[in-house]
Amino acid sequence: MSFFLAWENLKYNSCYIIRIGRSLRKEKETKKVSFFVALIYFVLSATLFFPVIVYGQEEWLPYTPNPDDVELVYWSQNDVSYVEVSIVFYDSGFEISDWGTPVIIGNGISVNAFIWRWNGVVLPVVIVLKHTYNLGILPEGEYVFTFQSWWSSIESITFVVTRIPATLDIEPDALNLKSKCKWLTSYIEFPEGYNVNDINVSTITLNNTVTAELEPVVVGDYDNDGVASLMLKFNMTQIIAYICDHVDLRRRYVTVTLVVRGYLNDGTPFQGSDTTRAVMYAARYGMIPE
């Protein structure tokens, strides 16, 4: 249809140009000749381009990039996992309206982006668009991250989340929730190849809630097994409050798992756990006094 209309315009404008040419023969003035030549150029330009603009189908269309033009890079920082997506486009007619939100199902992670391509006039230029996805703190394991466009899988990357398996020893072995004790003492050991002296104490938390005290912090072989341990303390009042908020207070005794997490000075994460028995007879929590 567009070509038919363009042809009709061309025939009409050609007749008009012929009439102009005939009139030009009668004109001897140079200024008039220059004016009519410019007019002819304008009419021809309008004939060629106006039908395309008016009758064309220029619009944004869904687009799925070539896998060779998509790069995925994984890294972790402070135990948080990230994936950066880079997409190469070879002209200016591309747009990403939504990069999508990570969906985690088991060990599979996927994102679906909405990418558009303009089917009209574009500039021949190479453009690289990037986006970083924050995947949060993932449990240890192997994961597959898949990047999709319009629900079509484009590229995937496999990565492994690991942490230094620390050994944690908590003292006392039983916690009296009515205790007046000020501190809970813990000892952290690392497997061979790691050094507890490299631990950044300010990053250590217990159950992601209670932070470790910065002093005292002492390294020694407290269990006489030939392996260095890092001794540090946690605020007992904060630990008791945490336990009372997260356990079934209707039971007289309960086993509580305490998990210590932290990072080395270079950002490498570690994790260890120990269990302790909480003795619950605080009347204000609904316990039966002993």
Protein backbone atom coordinates (compact mmCIF):
# COMPACT_ATOMS: atom_id res chain seq x y z
CA MET A 1 0.00 0.00 0.00
CA SER A 2 2.84 2.38 0.87
CA PHE A 3 4.58 1.75 -2.47
CA PHE A 4 1.32 2.39 -4.40
CA LEU A 5 0.80 5.71 -2.62
CA ALA A 6 4.42 6.66 -3.19
CA TRP A 7 4.04 5.89 -6.92
CA GLU A 8 0.90 8.02 -7.17
CA ASN A 9 2.70 10.88 -5.42
CA LEU A 10 5.64 10.51 -7.76
CA LYS A 11 3.43 10.67 -10.87
CA TYR A 12 1.63 13.73 -9.58
CA ASN A 13 4.80 15.51 -8.56
CA SER A 14 6.48 14.59 -11.86
CA CYS A 15 3.74 16.38 -13.76
CA TYR A 16 4.18 19.33 -11.48
CA ILE A 17 7.92 19.35 -12.06
CA ILE A 18 7.40 19.24 -15.88
CA ARG A 19 5.16 22.28 -15.67
CA ILE A 20 7.83 24.04 -13.63
CA GLY A 21 10.42 23.12 -16.24
CA ARG A 22 8.36 24.61 -19.03
CA SER A 23 7.96 27.81 -17.12
CA LEU A 24 11.69 27.90 -16.51
CA ARG A 25 12.36 28.08 -20.26
CA LYS A 26 10.60 31.42 -20.32
CA GLU A 27 12.58 32.74 -17.37
CA LYS A 28 15.98 34.23 -18.05
CA GLU A 29 16.82 35.47 -14.60
CA THR A 30 19.39 33.41 -12.68
CA LYS A 31 17.75 34.01 -9.31
CA LYS A 32 14.47 32.52 -10.50
CA VAL A 33 16.25 29.50 -11.96
CA SER A 34 18.01 28.83 -8.64
CA PHE A 35 14.75 29.16 -6.75
CA PHE A 36 12.93 26.68 -8.96
CA VAL A 37 15.82 24.19 -8.84
CA ALA A 38 15.62 24.25 -5.05
CA LEU A 39 11.86 23.80 -5.28
CA ILE A 40 12.30 20.74 -7.51
CA TYR A 41 14.73 19.23 -5.01
CA PHE A 42 12.25 19.79 -2.18
CA VAL A 43 9.38 18.19 -4.12
CA LEU A 44 11.47 15.16 -4.99
CA SER A 45 12.57 14.77 -1.39
CA ALA A 46 8.98 14.96 -0.18
CA THR A 47 7.95 12.40 -2.80
CA LEU A 48 10.55 9.92 -1.63
CA PHE A 49 10.29 10.28 2.13
CA PHE A 50 6.80 11.56 2.97
CA PRO A 51 4.96 8.32 2.06
CA VAL A 52 7.30 6.31 4.27
CA ILE A 53 6.72 8.59 7.25
CA VAL A 54 2.96 8.80 6.83
CA TYR A 55 2.14 5.32 5.65
CA GLY A 56 5.00 3.30 7.24
CA GLN A 57 4.75 0.88 10.19
CA GLU A 58 7.53 2.25 12.40
CA GLU A 59 7.13 0.99 15.98
CA TRP A 60 8.81 -0.73 18.91
CA LEU A 61 8.80 -4.52 18.57
CA PRO A 62 9.74 -7.25 21.10
CA TYR A 63 13.32 -8.44 20.66
CA THR A 64 15.39 -11.38 21.90
CA PRO A 65 19.16 -10.86 21.65
CA ASN A 66 21.63 -13.35 20.23
CA PRO A 67 23.28 -15.43 22.99
CA ASP A 68 26.68 -14.42 21.58
CA ASP A 69 25.83 -10.80 22.43
CA VAL A 70 24.98 -11.54 26.08
CA GLU A 71 27.58 -11.96 28.82
CA LEU A 72 26.90 -13.05 32.41
CA VAL A 73 29.40 -12.46 35.23
CA TYR A 74 28.99 -13.74 38.82
CA TRP A 75 30.72 -12.48 41.93
CA SER A 76 30.07 -12.21 45.66
CA GLN A 77 30.87 -9.51 48.16
CA ASN A 78 30.24 -9.68 51.90
CA ASP A 79 28.43 -12.98 51.35
CA VAL A 80 25.96 -11.36 48.93
CA SER A 81 25.79 -12.87 45.44
CA TYR A 82 25.57 -10.73 42.31
CA VAL A 83 25.19 -11.40 38.58
CA GLU A 84 25.92 -8.71 35.98
CA VAL A 85 24.31 -8.94 32.54
CA SER A 86 25.92 -7.16 29.57
CA ILE A 87 24.16 -6.96 26.19
CA VAL A 88 25.76 -5.66 23.00
CA PHE A 89 23.55 -3.83 20.47
CA TYR A 90 24.78 -2.74 17.05
CA ASP A 91 22.57 0.28 16.47
CA SER A 92 20.63 2.88 18.46
CA GLY A 93 17.23 1.28 17.99
CA PHE A 94 17.07 -0.77 21.19
CA GLU A 95 15.48 -0.20 24.57
CA ILE A 96 15.07 -2.28 27.74
CA SER A 97 11.91 -1.24 29.55
CA ASP A 98 12.25 -3.75 32.39
CA TRP A 99 15.30 -5.79 33.44
CA GLY A 100 13.15 -8.12 35.53
CA THR A 101 13.38 -9.37 39.11
CA PRO A 102 15.25 -12.57 40.09
CA VAL A 103 13.01 -15.54 40.75
CA ILE A 104 14.64 -18.23 42.91
CA ILE A 105 13.19 -21.75 42.81
CA GLY A 106 15.44 -24.27 44.51
CA ASN A 107 18.88 -23.84 43.00
CA GLY A 108 17.57 -22.24 39.83
CA ILE A 109 17.49 -18.46 39.43
CA SER A 110 15.88 -16.73 36.44
CA VAL A 111 15.13 -13.19 35.31
CA ASN A 112 12.93 -12.09 32.43
CA ALA A 113 13.71 -8.80 30.68
CA PHE A 114 11.57 -6.87 28.20
CA ILE A 115 13.76 -5.75 25.30
CA TRP A 116 12.47 -3.71 22.36
CA ARG A 117 13.77 -2.93 18.88
CA TRP A 118 12.80 0.08 16.77
CA ASN A 119 12.07 -0.92 13.16
CA GLY A 120 12.48 2.61 11.84
CA VAL A 121 15.48 4.80 11.17
CA VAL A 122 18.40 4.13 13.59
CA LEU A 123 22.02 5.14 13.97
CA PRO A 124 24.77 2.57 13.27
CA VAL A 125 26.51 2.64 16.63
CA VAL A 126 27.61 -0.07 19.09
CA ILE A 127 25.90 0.22 22.49
CA VAL A 128 26.50 -1.98 25.56
CA LEU A 129 23.79 -2.02 28.23
CA LYS A 130 24.52 -3.51 31.65
CA HIS A 131 22.51 -4.40 34.72
CA THR A 132 23.50 -5.97 38.05
CA TYR A 133 21.15 -8.30 39.93
CA ASN A 134 21.44 -8.55 43.71
CA LEU A 135 20.67 -12.17 44.64
CA GLY A 136 21.07 -11.65 48.38
CA ILE A 137 22.70 -14.14 50.76
CA LEU A 138 22.23 -17.59 49.25
CA PRO A 139 22.64 -20.91 51.07
CA GLU A 140 25.67 -22.93 50.10
CA GLY A 141 25.29 -24.93 46.92
CA GLU A 142 25.51 -24.85 43.13
CA TYR A 143 23.17 -22.48 41.29
CA VAL A 144 22.15 -21.87 37.68
CA PHE A 145 21.28 -18.30 36.71
CA THR A 146 19.28 -17.95 33.47
CA PHE A 147 18.71 -14.67 31.64
CA GLN A 148 15.49 -14.51 29.59
CA SER A 149 13.96 -12.04 27.19
CA TRP A 150 10.22 -12.29 26.63
CA TRP A 151 10.30 -15.62 28.49
CA SER A 152 12.80 -17.07 26.03
CA SER A 153 16.04 -18.33 27.61
CA ILE A 154 19.04 -16.50 26.19
CA GLU A 155 22.09 -17.31 28.33
CA SER A 156 22.92 -19.14 31.58
CA ILE A 157 25.76 -19.25 34.08
CA THR A 158 26.52 -21.78 36.82
CA PHE A 159 28.14 -20.68 40.08
CA VAL A 160 28.85 -22.15 43.49
CA VAL A 161 28.23 -20.46 46.83
CA THR A 162 30.72 -21.61 49.46
CA ARG A 163 31.74 -20.50 52.94
CA ILE A 164 34.63 -21.54 55.17
CA PRO A 165 33.21 -24.31 57.39
CA ALA A 166 34.08 -23.04 60.86
CA THR A 167 33.81 -25.03 64.07
CA LEU A 168 31.94 -23.21 66.82
CA ASP A 169 32.01 -24.06 70.52
CA ILE A 170 29.61 -22.19 72.80
CA GLU A 171 29.99 -21.83 76.57
CA PRO A 172 28.06 -22.40 78.70
CA ASP A 173 26.54 -25.55 77.23
CA ALA A 174 23.19 -24.75 78.89
CA LEU A 175 21.68 -21.27 79.04
CA ASN A 176 19.58 -20.23 81.99
CA LEU A 177 17.20 -17.63 80.57
CA LYS A 178 17.05 -16.05 84.03
CA SER A 179 20.81 -15.88 84.23
CA LYS A 180 22.58 -12.73 85.41
CA CYS A 181 25.66 -13.69 83.38
CA LYS A 182 26.80 -10.82 81.20
CA TRP A 183 28.56 -12.68 78.39
CA LEU A 184 28.30 -15.80 76.27
CA THR A 185 31.76 -17.06 75.28
CA SER A 186 32.42 -18.70 71.92
CA TYR A 187 35.44 -20.30 70.28
CA ILE A 188 35.90 -20.40 66.50
CA GLU A 189 38.22 -22.80 64.69
CA PHE A 190 39.02 -23.04 60.99
CA PRO A 191 39.98 -26.06 58.91
CA GLU A 192 43.50 -26.43 57.59
CA GLY A 193 44.46 -23.74 55.09
CA TYR A 194 42.69 -20.90 56.91
CA ASN A 195 43.84 -18.70 59.80
CA VAL A 196 41.53 -17.33 62.50
CA ASN A 197 43.86 -14.34 62.78
CA ASP A 198 42.46 -13.21 59.42
CA ILE A 199 38.92 -12.84 60.83
CA ASN A 200 37.37 -9.39 60.77
CA VAL A 201 35.73 -9.47 64.22
CA SER A 202 33.49 -6.48 63.45
CA THR A 203 31.62 -8.61 60.88
CA ILE A 204 30.74 -11.50 63.19
CA THR A 205 27.11 -12.04 64.15
CA LEU A 206 25.20 -14.74 65.99
CA ASN A 207 22.05 -15.84 64.17
CA ASN A 208 22.30 -12.66 62.06
CA THR A 209 21.16 -10.67 65.10
CA VAL A 210 23.69 -10.33 67.92
CA THR A 211 27.04 -8.77 67.01
CA ALA A 212 30.28 -9.92 68.61
CA GLU A 213 32.03 -7.75 71.17
CA LEU A 214 35.22 -6.23 69.82
CA GLU A 215 37.01 -6.88 73.12
CA PRO A 216 38.24 -9.16 74.50
CA VAL A 217 39.38 -11.14 71.45
CA VAL A 218 42.13 -13.71 72.02
CA VAL A 219 43.67 -16.42 69.82
CA GLY A 220 44.82 -19.63 71.51
CA ASP A 221 44.47 -23.43 71.57
CA TYR A 222 41.67 -23.63 74.11
CA ASP A 223 40.75 -27.30 73.55
CA ASN A 224 44.35 -28.51 73.21
CA ASP A 225 43.80 -30.05 69.79
CA GLY A 226 46.72 -28.27 68.14
CA VAL A 227 44.41 -25.93 66.20
CA ALA A 228 44.24 -22.22 66.96
CA SER A 229 40.87 -20.88 68.13
CA LEU A 230 39.51 -17.35 68.25
CA MET A 231 37.82 -16.58 71.55
CA LEU A 232 35.21 -13.82 71.57
CA LYS A 233 32.10 -12.88 73.50
CA PHE A 234 28.46 -11.97 72.82
CA ASN A 235 26.06 -9.99 74.97
CA MET A 236 24.04 -12.53 77.00
CA THR A 237 21.03 -10.22 77.45
CA GLN A 238 20.66 -9.86 73.67
CA ILE A 239 21.01 -13.61 73.16
CA ILE A 240 18.35 -14.42 75.75
CA ALA A 241 16.00 -11.88 74.15
CA TYR A 242 16.60 -13.51 70.76
CA ILE A 243 15.92 -17.01 72.09
CA CYS A 244 12.73 -15.92 73.84
CA ASP A 245 11.46 -14.36 70.60
CA HIS A 246 12.23 -17.40 68.41
CA VAL A 247 11.48 -20.55 70.40
CA ASP A 248 8.40 -22.32 71.72
CA LEU A 249 8.16 -20.93 75.24
CA ARG A 250 5.59 -23.52 76.32
CA ARG A 251 8.36 -26.09 76.71
CA ARG A 252 10.53 -26.23 79.83
CA TYR A 253 13.73 -27.02 77.93
CA VAL A 254 14.58 -26.46 74.32
CA THR A 255 17.60 -27.07 72.14
CA VAL A 256 18.73 -23.92 70.35
CA THR A 257 21.05 -23.79 67.36
CA LEU A 258 23.35 -20.79 67.37
CA VAL A 259 24.96 -19.91 64.04
CA VAL A 260 27.99 -17.65 63.82
CA ARG A 261 28.69 -15.86 60.53
CA GLY A 262 31.39 -13.45 59.53
CA TYR A 263 34.09 -12.55 57.03
CA LEU A 264 37.82 -12.57 56.74
CA ASN A 265 39.64 -9.32 56.11
CA ASP A 266 39.57 -10.11 52.36
CA GLY A 267 35.78 -10.58 52.38
CA THR A 268 35.74 -14.40 52.36
CA PRO A 269 32.68 -15.58 54.33
CA PHE A 270 32.68 -18.25 57.02
CA GLN A 271 29.96 -19.96 59.01
CA GLY A 272 29.75 -22.35 61.94
CA SER A 273 27.11 -23.56 64.38
CA ASP A 274 26.69 -25.14 67.78
CA THR A 275 23.71 -26.25 69.80
CA THR A 276 22.93 -25.37 73.39
CA ARG A 277 20.09 -26.19 75.76
CA ALA A 278 18.01 -23.26 76.93
CA VAL A 279 16.46 -23.73 80.38
CA MET A 280 13.26 -21.71 80.39
CA TYR A 281 11.69 -20.83 83.71
CA ALA A 282 11.27 -17.11 83.50
CA ALA A 283 7.75 -16.40 84.75
CA ARG A 284 7.41 -13.27 82.64
CA TYR A 285 7.61 -15.47 79.53
CA GLY A 286 4.85 -17.76 80.72
CA MET A 287 7.18 -20.43 82.15
CA ILE A 288 6.52 -22.62 85.14
CA PRO A 289 9.03 -21.63 87.80
CA GLU A 290 11.34 -24.31 89.12
